[in-house]
Amino acid sequence: MNNVIWISWQDHRRTSGICNYLSIDLYVIRSTRKSVARYMQLIHETFRVLMTQKPKVLLVQNPSIVLTSLCVLLRPFFHYRLIVDAHNEAVEPYVHDNILVRGVSRFLMRRADITIVTNEYLADTVRSCGGDAVVLPDRLPEVDAVSPVELSTDTFNLVLIATYAPDEPIMAILNAAAMLQDRLSLFVTGDYTRLDASIRRQLPANIVFTGFLSNADYWGYLTSADAIMDLTSMDNCLVCGAYEGAAVARPLVLSRNDATVRYFSRGVVYTDDSTQGIHRAMLELMENYDDLLAAMAQLAGELPGAWEQQAVDLRLRIEVWSRT
């Protein structure tokens, strides 16, 4: 689209997926500096892009709350329409939940022309703050041909997508998997050094930490797995791993929240964050695997078309603003 750009201070598959579909130029601004120097460089580069491109419509990703605040403050000088793609943390702060962050978040939702969110529950929050919300889940990733990874031939292979963030019930998952060491192999992605070494040493052999994976190896694990798990204690959060699992048509184990149950409605076993609940979900997954596999294949075939229909309203509004 002409006169439309997206600025982000971090790479994110959701952002690139939306930009690719809507033909929006994406500017990902990065810095290797630390603390104040990092923000000064990011702000300078953002200002430079705005001066060079002079967009009529600007989209930004929140987080970063600093980037979004900057673009709200600069809008009177550049006269662009501002669209904020707000992840859960930007609407309902969880990791940085304090009165200041919540106040700034509400202010930004009011000041944006549109706040994009992944589900209606978050949209209700935006509207209650006086903002205008558009619902658009993540687009299913397009998976290139990848080489399979050799996993266990004797047990059920479950891949856990983990970042070791505060919202992930890692210990409950590991404890549940340890109870099934004769039936299930759990492959845990992400930087395992965030988990205390003494804990790792005590775990049984059916729990394997992959470490940080290249993109090709990551998709190799997902396409080779029998099923995929991605859990969060954040309310109404549609986790990235759910979209990735659906993209490779693998059954999922997901956290039971209203937004997830509504969107990922088939081929999924839902659970709470307790060891007992996760253990039951693993058993249900293995016992009903064939039915879940078929159901997920059906859902995976439907989601891309449904996403495109949801993207129509956003596309039309951006096109109108880009011409005026």
Protein backbone atom coordinates (compact mmCIF):
# COMPACT_ATOMS: atom_id res chain seq x y z
CA MET A 1 0.00 0.00 0.00
CA ASN A 2 1.20 3.51 -0.76
CA ASN A 3 1.65 6.00 2.09
CA VAL A 4 1.41 3.22 4.70
CA ILE A 5 4.27 1.89 6.82
CA TRP A 6 4.71 -0.27 9.91
CA ILE A 7 7.42 0.41 12.47
CA SER A 8 8.49 -2.14 15.07
CA TRP A 9 11.37 -2.33 17.52
CA GLN A 10 11.42 -6.13 17.50
CA ASP A 11 10.86 -8.98 15.06
CA HIS A 12 7.56 -10.78 15.40
CA ARG A 13 5.94 -13.32 13.12
CA ARG A 14 2.50 -11.78 13.65
CA THR A 15 3.72 -8.39 12.43
CA SER A 16 5.45 -9.73 9.32
CA GLY A 17 2.42 -11.91 8.51
CA ILE A 18 0.02 -8.97 8.54
CA CYS A 19 2.43 -6.77 6.57
CA ASN A 20 2.97 -9.40 3.91
CA TYR A 21 -0.75 -9.93 3.41
CA LEU A 22 -1.65 -6.22 3.34
CA SER A 23 1.47 -5.22 1.32
CA ILE A 24 2.68 -2.82 3.99
CA ASP A 25 6.35 -1.82 4.16
CA LEU A 26 7.80 -2.99 7.48
CA TYR A 27 10.65 -1.14 9.20
CA VAL A 28 12.16 -3.18 12.03
CA ILE A 29 14.48 -0.91 13.98
CA ARG A 30 17.04 -2.59 16.22
CA SER A 31 19.84 -1.53 18.53
CA THR A 32 22.66 -3.43 20.21
CA ARG A 33 23.17 -0.66 22.75
CA LYS A 34 22.02 -0.86 26.35
CA SER A 35 19.72 1.16 28.60
CA VAL A 36 19.24 4.85 27.74
CA ALA A 37 21.62 4.72 24.76
CA ARG A 38 19.48 2.00 23.20
CA TYR A 39 16.30 4.03 23.46
CA MET A 40 18.00 7.15 22.14
CA GLN A 41 19.14 5.25 19.04
CA LEU A 42 15.73 3.65 18.49
CA ILE A 43 13.95 6.98 18.86
CA HIS A 44 16.39 8.69 16.49
CA GLU A 45 15.97 5.98 13.85
CA THR A 46 12.18 6.06 14.21
CA PHE A 47 12.15 9.81 13.70
CA ARG A 48 14.38 9.41 10.66
CA VAL A 49 12.03 6.86 9.07
CA LEU A 50 9.04 9.14 9.67
CA MET A 51 10.84 12.12 8.17
CA THR A 52 11.87 10.09 5.12
CA GLN A 53 8.63 8.22 4.46
CA LYS A 54 6.04 10.78 5.67
CA PRO A 55 3.29 8.15 5.94
CA LYS A 56 -0.41 8.95 5.93
CA VAL A 57 -1.02 5.79 7.93
CA LEU A 58 1.42 4.46 10.52
CA LEU A 59 1.14 1.09 12.23
CA VAL A 60 3.21 0.19 15.27
CA GLN A 61 3.57 -2.85 17.47
CA ASN A 62 2.92 -2.53 21.21
CA PRO A 63 4.99 -3.73 23.03
CA SER A 64 7.03 -1.54 22.79
CA ILE A 65 5.07 0.87 24.96
CA VAL A 66 7.86 3.41 24.45
CA LEU A 67 7.58 3.22 20.65
CA THR A 68 3.80 3.55 20.81
CA SER A 69 3.98 6.52 23.20
CA LEU A 70 6.54 8.20 20.92
CA CYS A 71 4.31 7.79 17.87
CA VAL A 72 1.30 9.17 19.75
CA LEU A 73 3.34 12.23 20.74
CA LEU A 74 4.68 12.76 17.19
CA ARG A 75 1.32 12.41 15.45
CA PRO A 76 0.40 16.15 15.61
CA PHE A 77 3.64 16.97 13.79
CA PHE A 78 3.41 14.30 11.07
CA HIS A 79 -0.42 14.16 10.74
CA TYR A 80 -0.67 10.40 10.22
CA ARG A 81 -3.43 8.04 11.22
CA LEU A 82 -2.11 5.77 13.95
CA ILE A 83 -2.94 2.07 14.19
CA VAL A 84 -1.53 0.11 17.14
CA ASP A 85 -1.24 -3.67 17.02
CA ALA A 86 -1.61 -4.38 20.72
CA HIS A 87 -0.45 -7.71 22.09
CA ASN A 88 -2.00 -8.96 25.33
CA GLU A 89 0.57 -7.21 27.51
CA ALA A 90 -0.34 -3.88 25.92
CA VAL A 91 -4.03 -4.28 26.77
CA GLU A 92 -4.00 -6.26 30.00
CA PRO A 93 -0.49 -5.88 31.51
CA TYR A 94 0.72 -9.08 33.12
CA VAL A 95 4.50 -9.04 33.34
CA HIS A 96 4.62 -5.29 34.09
CA ASP A 97 1.36 -4.94 35.94
CA ASN A 98 1.43 -1.69 37.87
CA ILE A 99 -0.65 1.48 38.04
CA LEU A 100 1.71 3.49 35.80
CA VAL A 101 1.83 0.92 32.99
CA ARG A 102 -1.93 0.38 33.14
CA GLY A 103 -2.54 4.14 33.00
CA VAL A 104 -0.25 4.61 30.00
CA SER A 105 -1.79 1.59 28.27
CA ARG A 106 -5.30 3.02 28.64
CA PHE A 107 -4.11 6.40 27.36
CA LEU A 108 -2.55 4.83 24.26
CA MET A 109 -5.69 2.85 23.48
CA ARG A 110 -7.73 6.06 23.59
CA ARG A 111 -5.28 7.99 21.43
CA ALA A 112 -4.84 5.43 18.65
CA ASP A 113 -7.20 5.64 15.68
CA ILE A 114 -7.45 1.84 15.79
CA THR A 115 -6.13 -0.72 18.23
CA ILE A 116 -5.79 -4.18 16.70
CA VAL A 117 -6.25 -7.08 19.12
CA THR A 118 -6.44 -10.84 18.69
CA ASN A 119 -9.89 -11.49 20.17
CA GLU A 120 -13.20 -9.95 21.24
CA TYR A 121 -12.38 -10.14 24.94
CA LEU A 122 -9.43 -7.79 24.49
CA ALA A 123 -11.51 -5.64 22.13
CA ASP A 124 -14.04 -5.11 24.92
CA THR A 125 -11.23 -3.83 27.13
CA VAL A 126 -10.07 -1.40 24.44
CA ARG A 127 -13.61 -0.07 23.95
CA SER A 128 -14.14 0.29 27.69
CA CYS A 129 -11.11 2.62 27.69
CA GLY A 130 -12.63 4.75 24.93
CA GLY A 131 -10.67 3.25 22.04
CA ASP A 132 -11.67 1.79 18.69
CA ALA A 133 -10.82 -1.92 18.34
CA VAL A 134 -10.45 -4.24 15.36
CA VAL A 135 -10.13 -7.97 15.98
CA LEU A 136 -7.52 -9.80 13.94
CA PRO A 137 -5.87 -13.00 15.21
CA ASP A 138 -2.43 -14.04 14.00
CA ARG A 139 -2.21 -15.29 10.45
CA LEU A 140 -1.19 -18.95 10.27
CA PRO A 141 2.51 -19.12 9.34
CA GLU A 142 3.46 -20.46 5.93
CA VAL A 143 5.75 -23.42 6.50
CA ASP A 144 8.44 -24.11 3.93
CA ALA A 145 9.73 -27.61 3.31
CA VAL A 146 11.85 -28.62 6.29
CA SER A 147 13.92 -31.64 7.21
CA PRO A 148 12.29 -33.83 9.87
CA VAL A 149 13.95 -34.35 13.23
CA GLU A 150 14.46 -37.86 14.58
CA LEU A 151 12.43 -38.16 17.76
CA SER A 152 11.54 -41.14 19.92
CA THR A 153 10.28 -44.26 18.14
CA ASP A 154 9.00 -45.89 21.36
CA THR A 155 6.93 -43.13 22.96
CA PHE A 156 4.49 -40.36 22.13
CA ASN A 157 6.41 -37.21 21.08
CA LEU A 158 5.15 -33.93 22.52
CA VAL A 159 6.94 -30.64 21.80
CA LEU A 160 6.59 -27.90 24.40
CA ILE A 161 7.08 -24.39 23.03
CA ALA A 162 8.74 -22.53 25.88
CA THR A 163 10.36 -19.16 26.48
CA TYR A 164 10.53 -19.57 30.29
CA ALA A 165 8.48 -16.40 30.71
CA PRO A 166 6.62 -15.70 33.97
CA ASP A 167 3.26 -16.74 32.47
CA GLU A 168 4.42 -20.26 31.57
CA PRO A 169 3.79 -23.05 34.14
CA ILE A 170 7.06 -24.78 33.31
CA MET A 171 7.50 -26.74 36.52
CA ALA A 172 3.94 -28.09 36.43
CA ILE A 173 4.50 -29.27 32.85
CA LEU A 174 7.81 -30.96 33.67
CA ASN A 175 6.33 -32.68 36.70
CA ALA A 176 3.38 -33.93 34.65
CA ALA A 177 5.69 -35.28 31.93
CA ALA A 178 7.86 -37.01 34.52
CA MET A 179 4.81 -39.02 35.59
CA LEU A 180 4.56 -40.45 32.05
CA GLN A 181 8.19 -41.29 31.34
CA ASP A 182 7.35 -44.74 29.93
CA ARG A 183 4.75 -43.37 27.50
CA LEU A 184 5.69 -39.83 26.55
CA SER A 185 8.78 -37.91 25.46
CA LEU A 186 8.69 -34.16 26.04
CA PHE A 187 10.93 -31.93 23.92
CA VAL A 188 11.25 -28.46 25.42
CA THR A 189 12.33 -25.62 23.13
CA GLY A 190 13.93 -22.33 24.15
CA ASP A 191 16.90 -21.26 26.24
CA TYR A 192 16.95 -23.90 28.98
CA THR A 193 19.65 -22.03 30.92
CA ARG A 194 16.81 -19.91 32.30
CA LEU A 195 15.82 -23.00 34.28
CA ASP A 196 17.98 -23.77 37.31
CA ALA A 197 20.59 -26.43 36.52
CA SER A 198 19.79 -28.35 39.70
CA ILE A 199 16.20 -28.80 38.50
CA ARG A 200 17.31 -30.02 35.08
CA ARG A 201 19.62 -32.62 36.60
CA GLN A 202 16.77 -34.17 38.58
CA LEU A 203 14.46 -34.69 35.61
CA PRO A 204 13.99 -38.10 33.96
CA ALA A 205 15.38 -38.95 30.54
CA ASN A 206 12.03 -38.55 28.78
CA ILE A 207 12.37 -34.76 29.13
CA VAL A 208 14.74 -33.33 26.51
CA PHE A 209 15.81 -29.68 26.33
CA THR A 210 16.49 -28.70 22.73
CA GLY A 211 18.07 -25.33 23.48
CA PHE A 212 17.51 -22.36 21.22
CA LEU A 213 16.77 -23.62 17.71
CA SER A 214 17.35 -22.19 14.26
CA ASN A 215 14.17 -21.49 12.31
CA ALA A 216 14.66 -24.59 10.18
CA ASP A 217 15.31 -26.84 13.17
CA TYR A 218 12.37 -25.35 15.06
CA TRP A 219 9.95 -26.19 12.28
CA GLY A 220 11.63 -29.56 11.95
CA TYR A 221 10.65 -30.35 15.54
CA LEU A 222 7.10 -29.13 15.07
CA THR A 223 6.51 -31.12 11.88
CA SER A 224 8.06 -34.25 13.42
CA ALA A 225 6.10 -34.09 16.68
CA ASP A 226 2.94 -36.04 17.38
CA ALA A 227 1.49 -33.00 19.16
CA ILE A 228 2.43 -29.53 20.42
CA MET A 229 1.91 -27.83 23.79
CA ASP A 230 1.99 -24.11 24.58
CA LEU A 231 0.59 -22.93 27.92
CA THR A 232 0.11 -19.52 29.50
CA SER A 233 -1.49 -18.19 32.65
CA MET A 234 -2.38 -14.93 30.88
CA ASP A 235 -6.11 -14.58 30.48
CA ASN A 236 -7.52 -14.70 26.93
CA CYS A 237 -4.09 -15.00 25.36
CA LEU A 238 -3.85 -16.71 21.97
CA VAL A 239 -0.29 -18.04 22.14
CA CYS A 240 1.97 -18.05 19.09
CA GLY A 241 2.57 -21.79 19.46
CA ALA A 242 -1.11 -22.48 18.87
CA TYR A 243 -0.97 -20.85 15.44
CA GLU A 244 2.29 -22.66 14.67
CA GLY A 245 0.85 -26.00 15.72
CA ALA A 246 -2.22 -25.42 13.59
CA ALA A 247 0.02 -24.49 10.65
CA VAL A 248 1.56 -27.98 10.76
CA ALA A 249 -1.85 -29.55 11.59
CA ARG A 250 -0.75 -31.11 14.87
CA PRO A 251 -3.08 -31.58 17.85
CA LEU A 252 -2.52 -29.05 20.59
CA VAL A 253 -2.50 -28.84 24.37
CA LEU A 254 -3.48 -25.28 25.30
CA SER A 255 -4.50 -23.31 28.36
CA ARG A 256 -8.22 -23.18 28.97
CA ASN A 257 -9.34 -19.59 28.51
CA ASP A 258 -12.37 -18.25 26.66
CA ALA A 259 -10.51 -16.72 23.73
CA THR A 260 -8.48 -19.88 23.08
CA VAL A 261 -11.45 -22.24 23.34
CA ARG A 262 -13.43 -20.02 20.97
CA TYR A 263 -10.74 -19.71 18.28
CA PHE A 264 -8.96 -23.07 18.52
CA SER A 265 -12.19 -24.97 18.81
CA ARG A 266 -11.15 -28.41 17.56
CA GLY A 267 -8.16 -30.71 17.71
CA VAL A 268 -7.20 -29.33 21.12
CA VAL A 269 -7.01 -30.58 24.69
CA TYR A 270 -7.43 -27.73 27.18
CA THR A 271 -5.92 -27.64 30.65
CA ASP A 272 -5.37 -25.51 33.70
CA ASP A 273 -1.91 -24.74 35.09
CA SER A 274 -1.75 -27.51 37.70
CA THR A 275 0.41 -30.61 37.46
CA GLN A 276 -2.67 -32.80 37.84
CA GLY A 277 -4.57 -30.93 35.14
CA ILE A 278 -1.67 -31.07 32.70
CA HIS A 279 -1.14 -34.77 33.43
CA ARG A 280 -4.81 -35.46 32.64
CA ALA A 281 -4.51 -33.43 29.43
CA MET A 282 -1.49 -35.47 28.32
CA LEU A 283 -3.39 -38.70 28.93
CA GLU A 284 -6.44 -37.40 27.05
CA LEU A 285 -4.20 -36.32 24.18
CA MET A 286 -2.70 -39.78 23.78
CA GLU A 287 -5.96 -41.66 24.26
CA ASN A 288 -7.89 -39.59 21.68
CA TYR A 289 -5.01 -38.83 19.34
CA ASP A 290 -6.50 -40.03 16.04
CA ASP A 291 -9.71 -38.06 16.52
CA LEU A 292 -7.79 -34.95 17.59
CA LEU A 293 -5.47 -35.24 14.59
CA ALA A 294 -8.39 -35.37 12.17
CA ALA A 295 -10.15 -32.47 13.88
CA MET A 296 -7.05 -30.28 13.77
CA ALA A 297 -6.53 -31.00 10.08
CA GLN A 298 -10.06 -29.74 9.47
CA LEU A 299 -9.57 -26.63 11.58
CA ALA A 300 -6.21 -25.85 9.97
CA GLY A 301 -7.91 -25.89 6.58
CA GLU A 302 -10.55 -23.38 7.69
CA LEU A 303 -8.50 -20.81 9.62
CA PRO A 304 -6.69 -19.10 6.69
CA GLY A 305 -9.93 -18.24 4.90
CA ALA A 306 -11.55 -17.03 8.11
CA TRP A 307 -8.52 -14.82 8.82
CA GLU A 308 -8.70 -13.21 5.39
CA GLN A 309 -12.36 -12.35 5.96
CA GLN A 310 -11.46 -10.68 9.26
CA ALA A 311 -8.66 -8.73 7.58
CA VAL A 312 -11.02 -7.13 5.03
CA ASP A 313 -12.30 -4.40 7.36
CA LEU A 314 -8.81 -3.36 8.39
CA ARG A 315 -7.61 -3.31 4.78
CA LEU A 316 -10.50 -1.11 3.65
CA ARG A 317 -10.02 1.42 6.44
CA ILE A 318 -6.28 1.67 5.77
CA GLU A 319 -6.84 2.11 2.03
CA VAL A 320 -9.31 4.96 2.59
CA TRP A 321 -6.97 6.75 5.00
CA SER A 322 -3.97 6.28 2.71
CA ARG A 323 -5.75 8.21 -0.07
CA THR A 324 -6.97 11.14 2.02
